[in-house]
């Protein structure tokens, strides 16, 4: 039996309408990790934050929307843009970190799985459409696509939906300035077998997990404000450690994926990197270029959504992909035959990268 290409057969996304500008945080009480208040004003904190991350605003889900709702909206859009019937899916893989969290609470709900909830919302009747969730940090959607690739190449599957969605706004400490980074959103892709003779789709990938010292670079912890909700836990991160780790290892993962695919960096048109920090992403691209003695221009090669959308975790890469395919990312378009890289890094610590031919 001929080994199929593995291609994207429908991409969709959902970005909430609620725009939350940096000015929203002017009245917050920010504390340092040791529980002492900052000695500088919120205006100065926000200005420095924007300069470092590039974030000017982000999107939050409506109060009545859950993570699985956002994933459902993205899944609907992906199906509309695909050439398959929803009943012909083999799997639904849902990448997230915290499940469904009702607004105003800190309770995580992962039962039933979010993938099963989306199947229910899509009204899929076929019992052979199997659903499961994966927890892989921000690289979860990319990892889901890698799993879909492996399952399809094995010959047992033809169509797999991979969703990446999160409502991080409900897991952040309002007294931690790092909380301004995170946001909400969803992206979905139908990954399918294609028997065209031309080589296209996923050409190669790389992934890794560093769980020694790196394990707690991103983890859950108490609020920075002393005495606040002692039992509650919020996203905590070691920004400098993550920056240094990502700078060294993400470029290396992309290099491995390129080698496995047989594609030269000179042939890459676009690099879609997880949007956590604009300066970090630019530094990663420079590092990648240095590995090949090439000067890469971020403005031409690397779309950025972080300025408007913030870091919406597992949704970042599929949202960028969907917007680029729709021609809604100014200055960034792709055509048939173009080679792109998609890469991500996040809690675990996990890193992965995919080489894809349009």
Protein backbone atom coordinates (compact mmCIF):
# COMPACT_ATOMS: atom_id res chain seq x y z
CA UNK A 1 0.00 0.00 0.00
CA UNK A 2 1.29 3.43 -0.95
CA UNK A 3 2.45 5.57 1.97
CA UNK A 4 0.33 8.74 2.03
CA UNK A 5 1.30 12.34 2.35
CA UNK A 6 -0.14 13.89 5.51
CA UNK A 7 -1.73 17.26 4.81
CA UNK A 8 -3.93 19.90 6.39
CA UNK A 9 -7.42 19.44 4.97
CA UNK A 10 -9.18 22.37 6.59
CA UNK A 11 -7.96 24.91 9.13
CA UNK A 12 -10.08 27.08 11.42
CA UNK A 13 -9.68 29.34 14.43
CA UNK A 14 -11.63 31.34 16.96
CA UNK A 15 -10.32 34.46 18.67
CA UNK A 16 -12.61 36.02 21.32
CA UNK A 17 -13.95 39.49 20.64
CA UNK A 18 -13.14 40.92 24.08
CA UNK A 19 -10.08 43.14 23.64
CA UNK A 20 -8.13 43.71 26.87
CA UNK A 21 -5.55 46.49 26.44
CA UNK A 22 -2.55 46.96 28.71
CA UNK A 23 -4.34 49.89 30.36
CA UNK A 24 -6.70 47.33 31.88
CA UNK A 25 -3.96 46.51 34.42
CA UNK A 26 -3.33 50.05 35.65
CA UNK A 27 -5.41 49.48 38.78
CA UNK A 28 -3.98 46.05 39.65
CA UNK A 29 -1.91 45.46 42.77
CA UNK A 30 1.34 43.86 41.60
CA UNK A 31 3.68 42.03 43.97
CA UNK A 32 7.09 40.48 43.49
CA UNK A 33 7.72 36.77 44.01
CA UNK A 34 8.71 37.34 47.64
CA UNK A 35 5.38 39.04 48.37
CA UNK A 36 6.64 42.64 48.53
CA UNK A 37 4.89 45.33 46.50
CA UNK A 38 6.71 46.90 43.57
CA UNK A 39 8.25 50.27 44.32
CA UNK A 40 7.57 51.56 40.81
CA UNK A 41 4.20 52.61 39.40
CA UNK A 42 1.94 50.38 37.35
CA UNK A 43 2.53 52.70 34.40
CA UNK A 44 6.24 51.87 34.54
CA UNK A 45 5.59 48.15 35.02
CA UNK A 46 3.29 48.08 31.99
CA UNK A 47 5.64 50.13 29.81
CA UNK A 48 8.54 47.78 30.56
CA UNK A 49 6.31 44.75 30.01
CA UNK A 50 5.22 46.01 26.57
CA UNK A 51 8.80 46.81 25.59
CA UNK A 52 10.03 43.32 26.51
CA UNK A 53 7.13 41.18 25.24
CA UNK A 54 5.69 43.30 22.44
CA UNK A 55 2.17 42.76 23.82
CA UNK A 56 -0.17 45.74 23.59
CA UNK A 57 -3.47 43.91 24.05
CA UNK A 58 -4.90 40.42 24.33
CA UNK A 59 -8.27 38.64 24.00
CA UNK A 60 -10.35 37.10 26.78
CA UNK A 61 -13.28 34.73 26.35
CA UNK A 62 -16.81 35.86 27.24
CA UNK A 63 -17.87 35.06 30.80
CA UNK A 64 -20.26 32.35 29.58
CA UNK A 65 -17.71 30.68 27.29
CA UNK A 66 -15.66 27.66 28.31
CA UNK A 67 -12.47 26.34 26.76
CA UNK A 68 -14.47 23.60 25.01
CA UNK A 69 -16.76 26.25 23.52
CA UNK A 70 -13.81 28.00 21.91
CA UNK A 71 -12.52 24.67 20.64
CA UNK A 72 -15.95 23.87 19.20
CA UNK A 73 -16.07 27.18 17.30
CA UNK A 74 -12.61 26.56 15.83
CA UNK A 75 -13.55 22.96 14.96
CA UNK A 76 -16.70 24.13 13.16
CA UNK A 77 -14.63 26.56 11.10
CA UNK A 78 -12.06 23.90 10.25
CA UNK A 79 -14.77 21.53 9.04
CA UNK A 80 -16.31 24.27 6.89
CA UNK A 81 -12.93 24.79 5.25
CA UNK A 82 -12.30 21.05 4.75
CA UNK A 83 -13.35 18.53 2.13
CA UNK A 84 -14.56 15.84 4.53
CA UNK A 85 -17.72 14.98 6.40
CA UNK A 86 -17.49 15.19 10.19
CA UNK A 87 -18.63 11.56 10.46
CA UNK A 88 -15.51 10.48 8.54
CA UNK A 89 -13.12 11.63 11.26
CA UNK A 90 -11.12 8.85 12.93
CA UNK A 91 -9.99 10.83 15.98
CA UNK A 92 -10.44 14.18 17.70
CA UNK A 93 -7.31 15.19 19.62
CA UNK A 94 -7.74 18.19 21.93
CA UNK A 95 -4.63 19.92 23.28
CA UNK A 96 -5.06 22.14 26.35
CA UNK A 97 -3.63 22.69 29.82
CA UNK A 98 -6.47 23.35 32.26
CA UNK A 99 -9.68 21.97 30.77
CA UNK A 100 -12.89 23.93 31.27
CA UNK A 101 -12.84 26.60 33.97
CA UNK A 102 -16.00 28.55 34.71
CA UNK A 103 -15.55 32.31 34.95
CA UNK A 104 -14.93 33.47 38.50
CA UNK A 105 -13.66 30.09 39.70
CA UNK A 106 -10.31 28.34 39.85
CA UNK A 107 -11.73 24.84 39.41
CA UNK A 108 -10.41 22.70 36.56
CA UNK A 109 -12.92 20.42 34.77
CA UNK A 110 -11.46 17.68 32.59
CA UNK A 111 -14.28 15.15 32.81
CA UNK A 112 -15.56 14.28 30.32
CA UNK A 113 -12.64 15.07 28.03
CA UNK A 114 -12.81 18.29 26.05
CA UNK A 115 -12.42 16.29 22.83
CA UNK A 116 -15.55 14.31 23.74
CA UNK A 117 -17.39 17.55 24.53
CA UNK A 118 -16.52 18.90 21.07
CA UNK A 119 -17.72 15.68 19.43
CA UNK A 120 -21.01 16.13 21.31
CA UNK A 121 -21.31 19.80 20.31
CA UNK A 122 -20.60 18.89 16.67
CA UNK A 123 -23.36 16.26 16.89
CA UNK A 124 -21.13 13.52 15.50
CA UNK A 125 -22.98 10.19 15.73
CA UNK A 126 -20.26 7.81 14.51
CA UNK A 127 -18.93 5.86 17.56
CA UNK A 128 -15.68 5.20 15.68
CA UNK A 129 -14.71 8.87 16.04
CA UNK A 130 -12.47 8.40 19.09
CA UNK A 131 -11.71 11.36 21.35
CA UNK A 132 -8.88 12.14 23.74
CA UNK A 133 -7.05 15.11 25.26
CA UNK A 134 -3.33 15.75 25.54
CA UNK A 135 -1.52 17.91 28.09
CA UNK A 136 1.73 19.06 26.50
CA UNK A 137 2.02 22.70 27.50
CA UNK A 138 1.93 25.39 24.84
CA UNK A 139 3.35 22.99 22.18
CA UNK A 140 0.24 20.80 22.56
CA UNK A 141 -1.32 21.49 19.16
CA UNK A 142 1.97 20.87 17.34
CA UNK A 143 2.35 17.62 19.31
CA UNK A 144 -1.20 16.62 18.42
CA UNK A 145 -0.39 17.14 14.74
CA UNK A 146 2.75 15.00 15.13
CA UNK A 147 0.63 12.24 16.69
CA UNK A 148 -1.92 12.54 13.87
CA UNK A 149 0.91 12.27 11.32
CA UNK A 150 2.22 9.09 12.93
CA UNK A 151 -1.25 7.54 13.11
CA UNK A 152 -2.05 8.33 9.48
CA UNK A 153 1.34 7.14 8.21
CA UNK A 154 0.74 3.85 10.03
CA UNK A 155 -2.18 3.25 7.66
CA UNK A 156 -4.87 2.95 10.32
CA UNK A 157 -6.35 6.47 10.02
CA UNK A 158 -7.28 8.89 7.25
CA UNK A 159 -8.71 11.99 8.96
CA UNK A 160 -7.89 13.38 12.39
CA UNK A 161 -9.00 16.66 13.89
CA UNK A 162 -6.43 18.37 16.11
CA UNK A 163 -7.65 21.23 18.32
CA UNK A 164 -5.58 23.58 20.44
CA UNK A 165 -7.60 25.83 22.77
CA UNK A 166 -7.18 27.51 26.13
CA UNK A 167 -8.66 30.08 28.51
CA UNK A 168 -5.51 31.08 30.34
CA UNK A 169 -7.13 34.30 31.56
CA UNK A 170 -8.82 32.17 34.25
CA UNK A 171 -5.56 30.67 35.55
CA UNK A 172 -3.46 33.80 36.03
CA UNK A 173 -2.54 35.53 39.27
CA UNK A 174 -3.95 39.10 39.11
CA UNK A 175 -1.08 40.20 41.36
CA UNK A 176 1.69 38.80 39.14
CA UNK A 177 2.84 41.02 36.27
CA UNK A 178 3.56 37.88 34.22
CA UNK A 179 -0.19 37.32 34.14
CA UNK A 180 -0.46 40.08 31.53
CA UNK A 181 1.14 37.75 28.98
CA UNK A 182 -1.62 35.16 28.81
CA UNK A 183 -4.85 35.15 26.80
CA UNK A 184 -7.58 32.96 25.30
CA UNK A 185 -8.21 31.45 21.86
CA UNK A 186 -8.60 28.31 19.78
CA UNK A 187 -7.34 26.78 16.56
CA UNK A 188 -8.26 23.53 14.81
CA UNK A 189 -6.96 21.55 11.85
CA UNK A 190 -8.13 18.50 9.94
CA UNK A 191 -5.06 16.35 9.29
CA UNK A 192 -5.68 13.94 6.41
CA UNK A 193 -4.07 11.30 4.21
CA UNK A 194 -3.36 12.40 0.64
CA UNK A 195 -2.27 10.10 -2.17
CA UNK A 196 -1.06 12.77 -4.59
CA UNK A 197 2.25 11.93 -6.22
CA UNK A 198 3.83 15.27 -5.32
CA UNK A 199 5.66 15.37 -2.00
CA UNK A 200 3.78 17.75 0.29
CA UNK A 201 2.29 18.15 3.73
CA UNK A 202 4.36 17.15 6.78
CA UNK A 203 7.93 16.45 5.62
CA UNK A 204 9.61 15.99 8.99
CA UNK A 205 9.39 16.82 12.68
CA UNK A 206 11.33 16.95 15.92
CA UNK A 207 10.26 16.91 19.56
CA UNK A 208 11.83 16.63 22.99
CA UNK A 209 11.14 16.89 26.73
CA UNK A 210 13.56 18.30 29.31
CA UNK A 211 12.22 17.42 32.76
CA UNK A 212 15.25 17.80 35.03
CA UNK A 213 16.02 21.31 36.25
CA UNK A 214 13.71 22.61 33.50
CA UNK A 215 10.59 20.87 34.86
CA UNK A 216 9.40 23.81 36.97
CA UNK A 217 10.27 26.67 34.65
CA UNK A 218 6.49 26.82 34.18
CA UNK A 219 4.39 25.44 37.02
CA UNK A 220 1.47 26.21 39.32
CA UNK A 221 2.01 28.22 42.48
CA UNK A 222 0.47 30.55 45.08
CA UNK A 223 -0.46 34.15 44.42
CA UNK A 224 2.28 36.74 44.79
CA UNK A 225 -0.01 38.61 47.16
CA UNK A 226 0.53 37.29 50.70
CA UNK A 227 -2.49 35.63 52.30
CA UNK A 228 -4.61 35.59 49.16
CA UNK A 229 -6.52 32.34 48.58
CA UNK A 230 -3.90 30.12 50.19
CA UNK A 231 -5.27 27.01 48.49
CA UNK A 232 -5.59 28.55 45.01
CA UNK A 233 -2.88 27.96 42.42
CA UNK A 234 -1.96 30.11 39.42
CA UNK A 235 0.44 29.95 36.46
CA UNK A 236 3.98 30.82 37.55
CA UNK A 237 7.00 31.04 35.31
CA UNK A 238 10.72 31.70 35.47
CA UNK A 239 10.95 34.10 32.57
CA UNK A 240 14.73 34.41 32.28
CA UNK A 241 15.23 30.62 32.52
CA UNK A 242 12.60 30.02 29.83
CA UNK A 243 14.19 32.64 27.58
CA UNK A 244 17.63 31.08 27.84
CA UNK A 245 16.29 27.54 27.41
CA UNK A 246 14.15 28.43 24.39
CA UNK A 247 16.93 30.38 22.70
CA UNK A 248 19.27 27.39 22.79
CA UNK A 249 16.88 24.53 22.17
CA UNK A 250 14.06 25.68 19.84
CA UNK A 251 16.49 26.55 17.02
CA UNK A 252 18.18 23.17 17.54
CA UNK A 253 14.81 21.37 17.25
CA UNK A 254 14.02 23.21 14.03
CA UNK A 255 17.43 22.19 12.67
CA UNK A 256 16.73 18.52 13.47
CA UNK A 257 13.32 18.74 11.76
CA UNK A 258 14.95 20.29 8.69
CA UNK A 259 17.55 17.51 8.52
CA UNK A 260 14.90 14.81 8.84
CA UNK A 261 12.81 16.41 6.10
CA UNK A 262 15.71 16.92 3.71
CA UNK A 263 14.80 20.59 3.30
CA UNK A 264 17.38 23.38 3.29
CA UNK A 265 16.76 26.43 5.45
CA UNK A 266 17.21 28.56 2.33
CA UNK A 267 13.96 27.04 1.01
CA UNK A 268 11.86 28.02 4.04
CA UNK A 269 9.43 30.86 3.35
CA UNK A 270 7.81 31.29 6.77
CA UNK A 271 8.57 30.37 10.37
CA UNK A 272 5.58 30.21 12.73
CA UNK A 273 6.91 30.24 16.29
CA UNK A 274 4.83 30.09 19.46
CA UNK A 275 3.99 33.64 20.54
CA UNK A 276 5.21 34.11 24.11
CA UNK A 277 7.67 36.97 23.77
CA UNK A 278 8.41 38.97 20.62
CA UNK A 279 12.06 39.55 21.44
CA UNK A 280 12.56 35.88 22.31
CA UNK A 281 11.05 34.76 18.99
CA UNK A 282 13.28 37.16 17.07
CA UNK A 283 16.31 35.86 18.98
CA UNK A 284 15.34 32.25 18.17
CA UNK A 285 15.14 33.09 14.47
CA UNK A 286 18.57 34.73 14.59
CA UNK A 287 19.93 31.64 16.38
CA UNK A 288 18.48 29.40 13.66
CA UNK A 289 20.16 31.52 11.00
CA UNK A 290 23.48 31.33 12.82
CA UNK A 291 23.35 27.53 12.71
CA UNK A 292 23.45 27.81 8.92
CA UNK A 293 25.50 30.99 8.53
CA UNK A 294 22.43 32.77 7.17
CA UNK A 295 20.90 36.11 8.04
CA UNK A 296 17.16 35.66 8.47
CA UNK A 297 14.83 38.66 8.36
CA UNK A 298 12.13 38.35 11.01
CA UNK A 299 9.89 40.92 9.36
CA UNK A 300 9.77 38.89 6.14
CA UNK A 301 9.80 35.34 7.52
CA UNK A 302 8.13 35.37 10.92
CA UNK A 303 4.48 36.37 11.37
CA UNK A 304 3.67 37.89 14.76
CA UNK A 305 0.29 37.95 16.48
CA UNK A 306 1.46 38.53 20.05
CA UNK A 307 0.98 42.32 19.87
CA UNK A 308 -2.81 41.90 19.56
CA UNK A 309 -3.52 38.41 20.85
CA UNK A 310 -0.96 37.87 23.61
CA UNK A 311 0.08 34.29 24.42
CA UNK A 312 -2.94 32.03 23.92
CA UNK A 313 -0.86 28.90 24.46
CA UNK A 314 -1.82 25.87 22.35
CA UNK A 315 -3.94 28.08 20.08
CA UNK A 316 -1.07 30.28 18.95
CA UNK A 317 0.35 28.33 16.02
CA UNK A 318 -2.96 27.11 14.48
CA UNK A 319 -4.46 30.63 14.81
CA UNK A 320 -1.45 32.09 12.97
CA UNK A 321 -1.69 29.38 10.32
CA UNK A 322 -5.40 30.02 9.77
CA UNK A 323 -4.97 33.80 9.53
CA UNK A 324 -2.04 33.44 7.14
CA UNK A 325 -3.97 31.07 4.87
CA UNK A 326 -6.85 33.57 4.83
CA UNK A 327 -4.47 36.41 3.91
CA UNK A 328 -5.26 38.20 7.18
CA UNK A 329 -1.65 38.50 8.40
CA UNK A 330 -0.32 41.64 6.75
CA UNK A 331 2.84 40.99 4.75
CA UNK A 332 2.64 37.20 5.12
CA UNK A 333 1.20 34.94 2.43
CA UNK A 334 2.00 31.41 1.31
CA UNK A 335 1.32 29.54 -1.91
CA UNK A 336 1.32 25.93 -3.04
CA UNK A 337 4.80 24.47 -2.84
CA UNK A 338 6.05 26.83 -0.12
CA UNK A 339 7.89 25.24 2.81
CA UNK A 340 7.18 26.50 6.34
CA UNK A 341 8.30 25.69 9.88
CA UNK A 342 5.93 25.51 12.84
CA UNK A 343 7.57 25.32 16.27
CA UNK A 344 6.61 25.71 19.91
CA UNK A 345 8.00 25.57 23.43
CA UNK A 346 6.28 25.36 26.80
CA UNK A 347 5.62 23.75 30.16
CA UNK A 348 7.17 20.36 30.62
CA UNK A 349 9.54 21.63 29.30
CA UNK A 350 8.54 20.50 25.82
CA UNK A 351 9.74 21.62 22.41
CA UNK A 352 8.62 20.51 18.95
CA UNK A 353 8.86 21.56 15.32
CA UNK A 354 7.26 20.53 12.01
CA UNK A 355 8.40 21.15 8.43
CA UNK A 356 5.36 21.50 6.17
CA UNK A 357 5.03 21.93 2.39
CA UNK A 358 1.91 23.79 1.31
